[in-house]
Protein backbone atom coordinates (compact mmCIF):
# COMPACT_ATOMS: atom_id res chain seq x y z
CA UNK A 1 -19.66 8.66 -5.67
CA UNK A 2 -21.54 11.86 -6.54
CA UNK A 3 -23.82 13.58 -4.11
CA UNK A 4 -26.28 16.40 -4.69
CA UNK A 5 -27.94 18.27 -1.84
CA UNK A 6 -30.04 21.39 -1.35
CA UNK A 7 -29.80 22.55 2.26
CA UNK A 8 -32.85 22.84 4.46
CA UNK A 9 -33.30 23.64 8.11
CA UNK A 10 -32.79 20.01 9.14
CA UNK A 11 -29.76 18.76 11.04
CA UNK A 12 -27.80 16.65 8.56
CA UNK A 13 -25.55 13.64 8.98
CA UNK A 14 -24.52 11.74 5.87
CA UNK A 15 -21.89 9.12 5.20
CA UNK A 16 -20.36 8.80 1.74
CA UNK A 17 -18.19 5.82 0.92
CA UNK A 18 -15.41 6.59 -1.55
CA UNK A 19 -16.03 3.23 -3.19
CA UNK A 20 -17.59 -0.09 -2.30
CA UNK A 21 -14.44 -1.65 -0.84
CA UNK A 22 -12.78 1.44 0.59
CA UNK A 23 -12.39 1.92 4.35
CA UNK A 24 -12.84 5.66 3.77
CA UNK A 25 -16.05 7.39 4.85
CA UNK A 26 -16.56 11.12 4.31
CA UNK A 27 -19.42 12.69 6.25
CA UNK A 28 -20.65 16.12 7.29
CA UNK A 29 -22.92 17.61 9.92
CA UNK A 30 -24.14 21.06 10.79
CA UNK A 31 -22.24 22.70 13.64
CA UNK A 32 -23.54 25.31 16.11
CA UNK A 33 -22.74 28.16 13.69
CA UNK A 34 -24.83 26.66 10.90
CA UNK A 35 -21.81 25.59 8.86
CA UNK A 36 -21.43 22.11 7.42
CA UNK A 37 -18.35 20.52 8.94
CA UNK A 38 -16.84 17.77 6.78
CA UNK A 39 -14.90 14.93 8.41
CA UNK A 40 -13.37 11.66 7.32
CA UNK A 41 -13.21 8.28 9.02
CA UNK A 42 -10.52 5.85 7.92
CA UNK A 43 -11.25 2.36 9.23
CA UNK A 44 -8.25 0.86 7.42
CA UNK A 45 -4.73 0.28 8.66
CA UNK A 46 -2.75 2.77 6.57
CA UNK A 47 -2.97 6.34 5.26
CA UNK A 48 -5.14 7.18 2.27
CA UNK A 49 -5.12 10.22 0.01
CA UNK A 50 -8.66 11.52 -0.43
CA UNK A 51 -9.88 14.02 -3.02
CA UNK A 52 -13.23 15.81 -2.71
CA UNK A 53 -14.27 17.59 -5.89
CA UNK A 54 -17.29 19.91 -5.96
CA UNK A 55 -19.05 19.95 -9.30
CA UNK A 56 -21.63 22.41 -7.93
CA UNK A 57 -21.27 24.88 -5.09
CA UNK A 58 -23.93 27.60 -4.74
CA UNK A 59 -24.40 29.99 -1.84
CA UNK A 60 -21.62 28.42 0.23
CA UNK A 61 -18.12 29.55 1.15
CA UNK A 62 -15.46 26.93 1.82
CA UNK A 63 -12.66 27.12 4.36
CA UNK A 64 -10.35 25.05 2.13
CA UNK A 65 -8.82 25.15 -1.33
CA UNK A 66 -10.84 23.14 -3.83
CA UNK A 67 -10.65 20.47 -4.99
CA UNK A 68 -9.84 19.42 -1.45
CA UNK A 69 -7.08 16.86 -1.04
CA UNK A 70 -5.59 15.49 2.15
CA UNK A 71 -3.84 12.52 3.71
CA UNK A 72 -6.08 10.74 6.19
CA UNK A 73 -4.53 8.39 8.71
CA UNK A 74 -6.45 5.60 10.45
CA UNK A 75 -9.09 7.08 12.72
CA UNK A 76 -11.25 10.16 12.32
CA UNK A 77 -10.22 13.71 11.46
CA UNK A 78 -11.82 17.03 10.54
CA UNK A 79 -11.44 18.27 6.97
CA UNK A 80 -13.08 21.63 6.19
CA UNK A 81 -16.33 23.59 6.49
CA UNK A 82 -18.96 24.98 4.12
CA UNK A 83 -20.48 28.22 5.42
CA UNK A 84 -23.90 29.27 4.01
CA UNK A 85 -23.97 32.86 2.76
CA UNK A 86 -26.70 35.19 4.05
CA UNK A 87 -29.95 35.35 2.10
CA UNK A 88 -28.75 32.91 -0.62
CA UNK A 89 -30.17 29.61 -1.77
CA UNK A 90 -27.64 26.86 -1.16
CA UNK A 91 -26.88 23.64 -2.97
CA UNK A 92 -23.82 21.57 -3.78
CA UNK A 93 -22.73 18.47 -5.59
CA UNK A 94 -19.48 16.62 -4.99
CA UNK A 95 -17.64 13.38 -5.51
CA UNK A 96 -15.10 11.56 -3.34
CA UNK A 97 -12.15 9.43 -4.42
CA UNK A 98 -9.55 7.68 -2.30
CA UNK A 99 -6.14 6.18 -3.09
CA UNK A 100 -4.11 4.10 -0.67
CA UNK A 101 -0.95 5.92 0.44
CA UNK A 102 0.26 9.49 1.06
CA UNK A 103 0.19 12.44 -1.35
CA UNK A 104 3.92 13.18 -1.27
CA UNK A 105 5.72 10.36 0.54
CA UNK A 106 9.39 10.88 1.36
CA UNK A 107 10.77 7.47 0.51
CA UNK A 108 13.71 6.38 2.65
CA UNK A 109 16.07 4.92 0.05
CA UNK A 110 18.69 4.22 2.75
CA UNK A 111 16.63 1.46 4.34
CA UNK A 112 18.18 -1.99 3.97
CA UNK A 113 15.82 -4.94 3.35
CA UNK A 114 16.21 -8.52 4.50
CA UNK A 115 15.92 -11.36 2.05
CA UNK A 116 12.43 -12.72 2.83
CA UNK A 117 13.63 -16.25 3.56
CA UNK A 118 14.74 -18.17 6.65
CA UNK A 119 18.27 -17.36 7.84
CA UNK A 120 20.67 -19.90 6.38
CA UNK A 121 18.47 -20.62 3.32
CA UNK A 122 19.77 -19.91 -0.17
CA UNK A 123 17.51 -18.12 -2.62
CA UNK A 124 17.83 -16.71 -6.10
CA UNK A 125 15.78 -14.10 -7.89
CA UNK A 126 14.77 -12.83 -11.28
CA UNK A 127 13.20 -9.49 -12.19
CA UNK A 128 9.54 -9.70 -13.17
CA UNK A 129 8.44 -7.85 -16.31
CA UNK A 130 5.52 -5.42 -16.05
CA UNK A 131 2.47 -7.23 -17.39
CA UNK A 132 1.07 -4.05 -19.00
CA UNK A 133 4.24 -3.83 -21.06
CA UNK A 134 4.12 -7.48 -22.06
CA UNK A 135 0.50 -7.55 -23.20
CA UNK A 136 -0.76 -3.97 -23.67
CA UNK A 137 2.16 -2.00 -25.09
CA UNK A 138 2.42 0.20 -21.98
CA UNK A 139 5.59 1.71 -20.64
CA UNK A 140 6.74 0.58 -17.22
CA UNK A 141 5.53 2.56 -14.18
CA UNK A 142 8.15 4.86 -12.68
CA UNK A 143 11.22 2.90 -11.47
CA UNK A 144 9.48 -0.44 -12.03
CA UNK A 145 11.19 -3.11 -9.93
CA UNK A 146 9.57 -6.39 -8.98
CA UNK A 147 11.27 -9.65 -8.07
CA UNK A 148 10.36 -13.32 -8.14
CA UNK A 149 12.44 -14.86 -5.35
CA UNK A 150 12.78 -18.58 -5.85
CA UNK A 151 12.33 -20.74 -2.75
CA UNK A 152 11.62 -24.37 -1.92
CA UNK A 153 8.19 -25.86 -1.38
CA UNK A 154 7.16 -25.45 2.26
CA UNK A 155 9.59 -22.59 2.97
CA UNK A 156 8.47 -19.72 5.19
CA UNK A 157 8.30 -16.18 3.82
CA UNK A 158 9.58 -13.48 6.19
CA UNK A 159 9.03 -9.72 6.37
CA UNK A 160 11.85 -7.85 4.66
CA UNK A 161 11.07 -4.63 6.58
CA UNK A 162 8.98 -3.67 9.61
CA UNK A 163 5.52 -2.20 9.18
CA UNK A 164 1.77 -2.55 9.53
CA UNK A 165 -0.04 -5.36 7.74
CA UNK A 166 -2.73 -3.65 5.67
CA UNK A 167 -4.10 -6.36 3.38
CA UNK A 168 -4.16 -10.15 3.44
CA UNK A 169 -5.64 -12.54 0.91
CA UNK A 170 -5.20 -16.15 1.99
CA UNK A 171 -8.08 -18.24 0.66
CA UNK A 172 -7.37 -18.17 -3.07
CA UNK A 173 -6.73 -21.55 -4.69
CA UNK A 174 -4.85 -21.10 -7.97
CA UNK A 175 -6.27 -23.08 -10.88
CA UNK A 176 -4.10 -24.48 -13.64
CA UNK A 177 -0.49 -25.50 -14.11
CA UNK A 178 2.59 -23.97 -15.75
CA UNK A 179 1.38 -20.52 -14.73
CA UNK A 180 3.34 -17.37 -15.43
CA UNK A 181 0.97 -14.93 -13.71
CA UNK A 182 -2.21 -15.10 -11.63
CA UNK A 183 -3.96 -11.93 -10.49
CA UNK A 184 -5.77 -13.83 -7.69
CA UNK A 185 -2.70 -15.13 -5.86
CA UNK A 186 -2.63 -14.98 -2.07
CA UNK A 187 -0.77 -11.97 -0.75
CA UNK A 188 0.36 -9.86 2.18
CA UNK A 189 0.72 -6.08 1.94
CA UNK A 190 2.71 -4.14 4.56
CA UNK A 191 2.78 -0.35 5.02
CA UNK A 192 6.16 1.11 6.03
CA UNK A 193 7.03 4.20 8.08
CA UNK A 194 7.82 6.24 4.93
CA UNK A 195 4.37 5.46 3.47
CA UNK A 196 5.68 2.92 0.99
CA UNK A 197 4.10 -0.51 0.71
CA UNK A 198 5.66 -3.94 0.27
CA UNK A 199 3.62 -6.57 -1.51
CA UNK A 200 4.47 -10.23 -0.98
CA UNK A 201 2.56 -12.43 -3.43
CA UNK A 202 2.21 -16.18 -4.03
CA UNK A 203 1.45 -17.96 -0.76
CA UNK A 204 0.05 -21.43 -0.25
CA UNK A 205 -3.70 -21.34 0.32
CA UNK A 206 -4.71 -20.68 3.96
CA UNK A 207 -1.09 -20.60 5.11
CA UNK A 208 -0.62 -16.90 5.98
CA UNK A 209 0.24 -16.26 9.64
CA UNK A 210 -0.54 -12.52 9.92
CA UNK A 211 -3.69 -10.43 9.66
CA UNK A 212 -4.56 -6.81 8.79
CA UNK A 213 -3.85 -4.43 11.65
CA UNK A 214 -0.92 -6.49 12.94
CA UNK A 215 2.46 -4.76 13.26
CA UNK A 216 5.39 -6.93 12.24
CA UNK A 217 9.12 -6.45 12.61
CA UNK A 218 11.65 -7.18 9.89
CA UNK A 219 12.31 -10.91 10.03
CA UNK A 220 8.80 -11.83 11.24
CA UNK A 221 7.29 -14.92 9.56
CA UNK A 222 4.42 -14.10 7.20
CA UNK A 223 3.34 -17.44 5.74
CA UNK A 224 4.25 -20.46 3.61
CA UNK A 225 5.40 -19.85 0.06
CA UNK A 226 3.27 -21.08 -2.84
CA UNK A 227 3.84 -21.33 -6.56
CA UNK A 228 4.22 -25.06 -7.12
CA UNK A 229 1.91 -24.70 -10.12
CA UNK A 230 4.09 -22.02 -11.73
CA UNK A 231 6.68 -22.73 -14.40
CA UNK A 232 9.13 -20.91 -12.13
CA UNK A 233 8.32 -23.18 -9.22
CA UNK A 234 7.75 -22.11 -5.58
CA UNK A 235 8.55 -18.42 -5.16
CA UNK A 236 7.42 -15.18 -3.58
CA UNK A 237 6.91 -12.09 -5.73
CA UNK A 238 8.12 -9.00 -3.95
CA UNK A 239 7.89 -5.30 -4.77
CA UNK A 240 7.94 -2.01 -2.84
CA UNK A 241 5.82 0.85 -4.18
CA UNK A 242 4.36 4.21 -3.18
CA UNK A 243 1.63 6.63 -4.25
CA UNK A 244 2.64 8.37 -7.49
CA UNK A 245 0.08 9.41 -10.10
CA UNK A 246 1.13 9.70 -13.74
CA UNK A 247 -0.48 9.01 -17.15
CA UNK A 248 -0.04 5.57 -18.67
CA UNK A 249 2.16 5.77 -21.76
CA UNK A 250 1.05 3.38 -24.47
CA UNK A 251 2.86 3.00 -27.79
CA UNK A 252 4.82 6.13 -26.96
CA UNK A 253 1.75 8.33 -26.30
CA UNK A 254 0.08 9.42 -23.02
CA UNK A 255 -3.39 8.01 -22.44
CA UNK A 256 -6.34 8.86 -20.19
CA UNK A 257 -5.42 5.93 -17.96
CA UNK A 258 -3.31 6.47 -14.85
CA UNK A 259 -0.54 4.71 -13.01
CA UNK A 260 -1.00 5.24 -9.28
CA UNK A 261 2.23 3.67 -8.06
CA UNK A 262 5.96 4.20 -8.46
CA UNK A 263 8.45 1.59 -7.35
CA UNK A 264 11.56 1.44 -5.18
CA UNK A 265 14.71 -0.29 -6.49
CA UNK A 266 15.45 -1.67 -3.05
CA UNK A 267 18.75 -2.82 -1.57
CA UNK A 268 19.07 -6.07 0.36
CA UNK A 269 21.54 -7.14 3.02
CA UNK A 270 23.91 -9.58 1.29
CA UNK A 271 25.65 -11.66 3.94
CA UNK A 272 28.45 -13.17 1.91
CA UNK A 273 29.35 -9.86 0.27
CA UNK A 274 29.08 -8.10 3.67
CA UNK A 275 27.32 -5.21 1.97
CA UNK A 276 23.97 -4.09 0.61
CA UNK A 277 22.90 -4.22 -3.00
CA UNK A 278 20.43 -5.33 -5.63
CA UNK A 279 20.05 -8.99 -6.49
CA UNK A 280 21.79 -10.26 -9.61
CA UNK A 281 19.60 -12.53 -11.77
CA UNK A 282 19.71 -16.23 -10.87
CA UNK A 283 22.60 -15.84 -8.45
CA UNK A 284 22.23 -17.77 -5.19
CA UNK A 285 22.24 -15.64 -2.01
CA UNK A 286 22.45 -16.79 1.59
CA UNK A 287 19.66 -15.29 3.68
CA UNK A 288 20.70 -13.61 6.91
CA UNK A 289 18.72 -11.56 9.46
CA UNK A 290 21.33 -9.51 11.32
CA UNK A 291 20.22 -7.56 14.37
CA UNK A 292 21.55 -4.31 12.89
CA UNK A 293 19.14 -4.54 9.95
CA UNK A 294 16.17 -5.61 12.08
CA UNK A 295 16.73 -2.68 14.49
CA UNK A 296 17.50 0.02 11.91
CA UNK A 297 14.09 1.74 12.07
CA UNK A 298 13.41 1.17 15.78
CA UNK A 299 13.51 3.82 18.48
CA UNK A 300 15.85 3.27 21.44
CA UNK A 301 12.90 2.12 23.53
CA UNK A 302 11.80 -0.32 20.81
CA UNK A 303 15.34 -1.68 20.49
CA UNK A 304 15.50 -2.40 24.23
CA UNK A 305 12.13 -4.12 24.16
CA UNK A 306 13.01 -6.18 21.10
CA UNK A 307 16.41 -7.20 22.46
CA UNK A 308 14.88 -8.26 25.75
CA UNK A 309 12.59 -10.73 24.02
CA UNK A 310 14.78 -11.84 21.09
CA UNK A 311 18.50 -11.41 21.70
CA UNK A 312 20.08 -14.10 23.84
């Protein structure tokens, strides 16, 4: 959203939403020195990267490098100030954008993920092709890696890693049969400690157990798998991604479009191999939720608390 303002002697308080569905609000107010102090309120459940670009800035000195960019965690935080210059007319115009995730996340590639199925269940997986490559001639996003993990109708989907639930869609009812893809599938998104996000897609309608703002441990039940109307059958689609901006490459040439995510080629705990690794296509794996994997990102205090309520 763009905003144009010429300052007057009035006390100002203005809220600017980054976009209609964003939990990000940027606002400013005059402080006791006469400066305009910009702040941001994040009412979501994960960090966002915000960018504030001034397309006009007259008679004002900023305390920050422009365009201004920062990570904003849930809650409210101060950003920067605009200080009017003596005896000068003042006006400014700016726009705000927000992207879910951190500017420069340090992805923990050593983390081991659980298979998102009940312990003792066997599952198989196949890698999902990037739809932009299939239908639009685009190159894959960085390190593209997405799985369709085949399950049985009525199976429960479990969290593969601990984190904060950030997004849930549970009321979609897929239309049609023999589907290969549906952009409106029910889903759960979870934000991890390293600012990556796991997306679990294809749940039965109104069968998700968790809600945004809920913290879940690895091995926590998320909902009932869907996908009976897919050619592949019941399955959960699973990918881990993080904020990474790069031009979309189409037919070998960069375009004005952007990819905003890179992907993590994750490693799962493989019980029968007694090691971690990537899933081979269509091979059956026995799901297991060992305590060592569940506790790997917990503090000592969290481990004690978890063991007290879960370990017999």
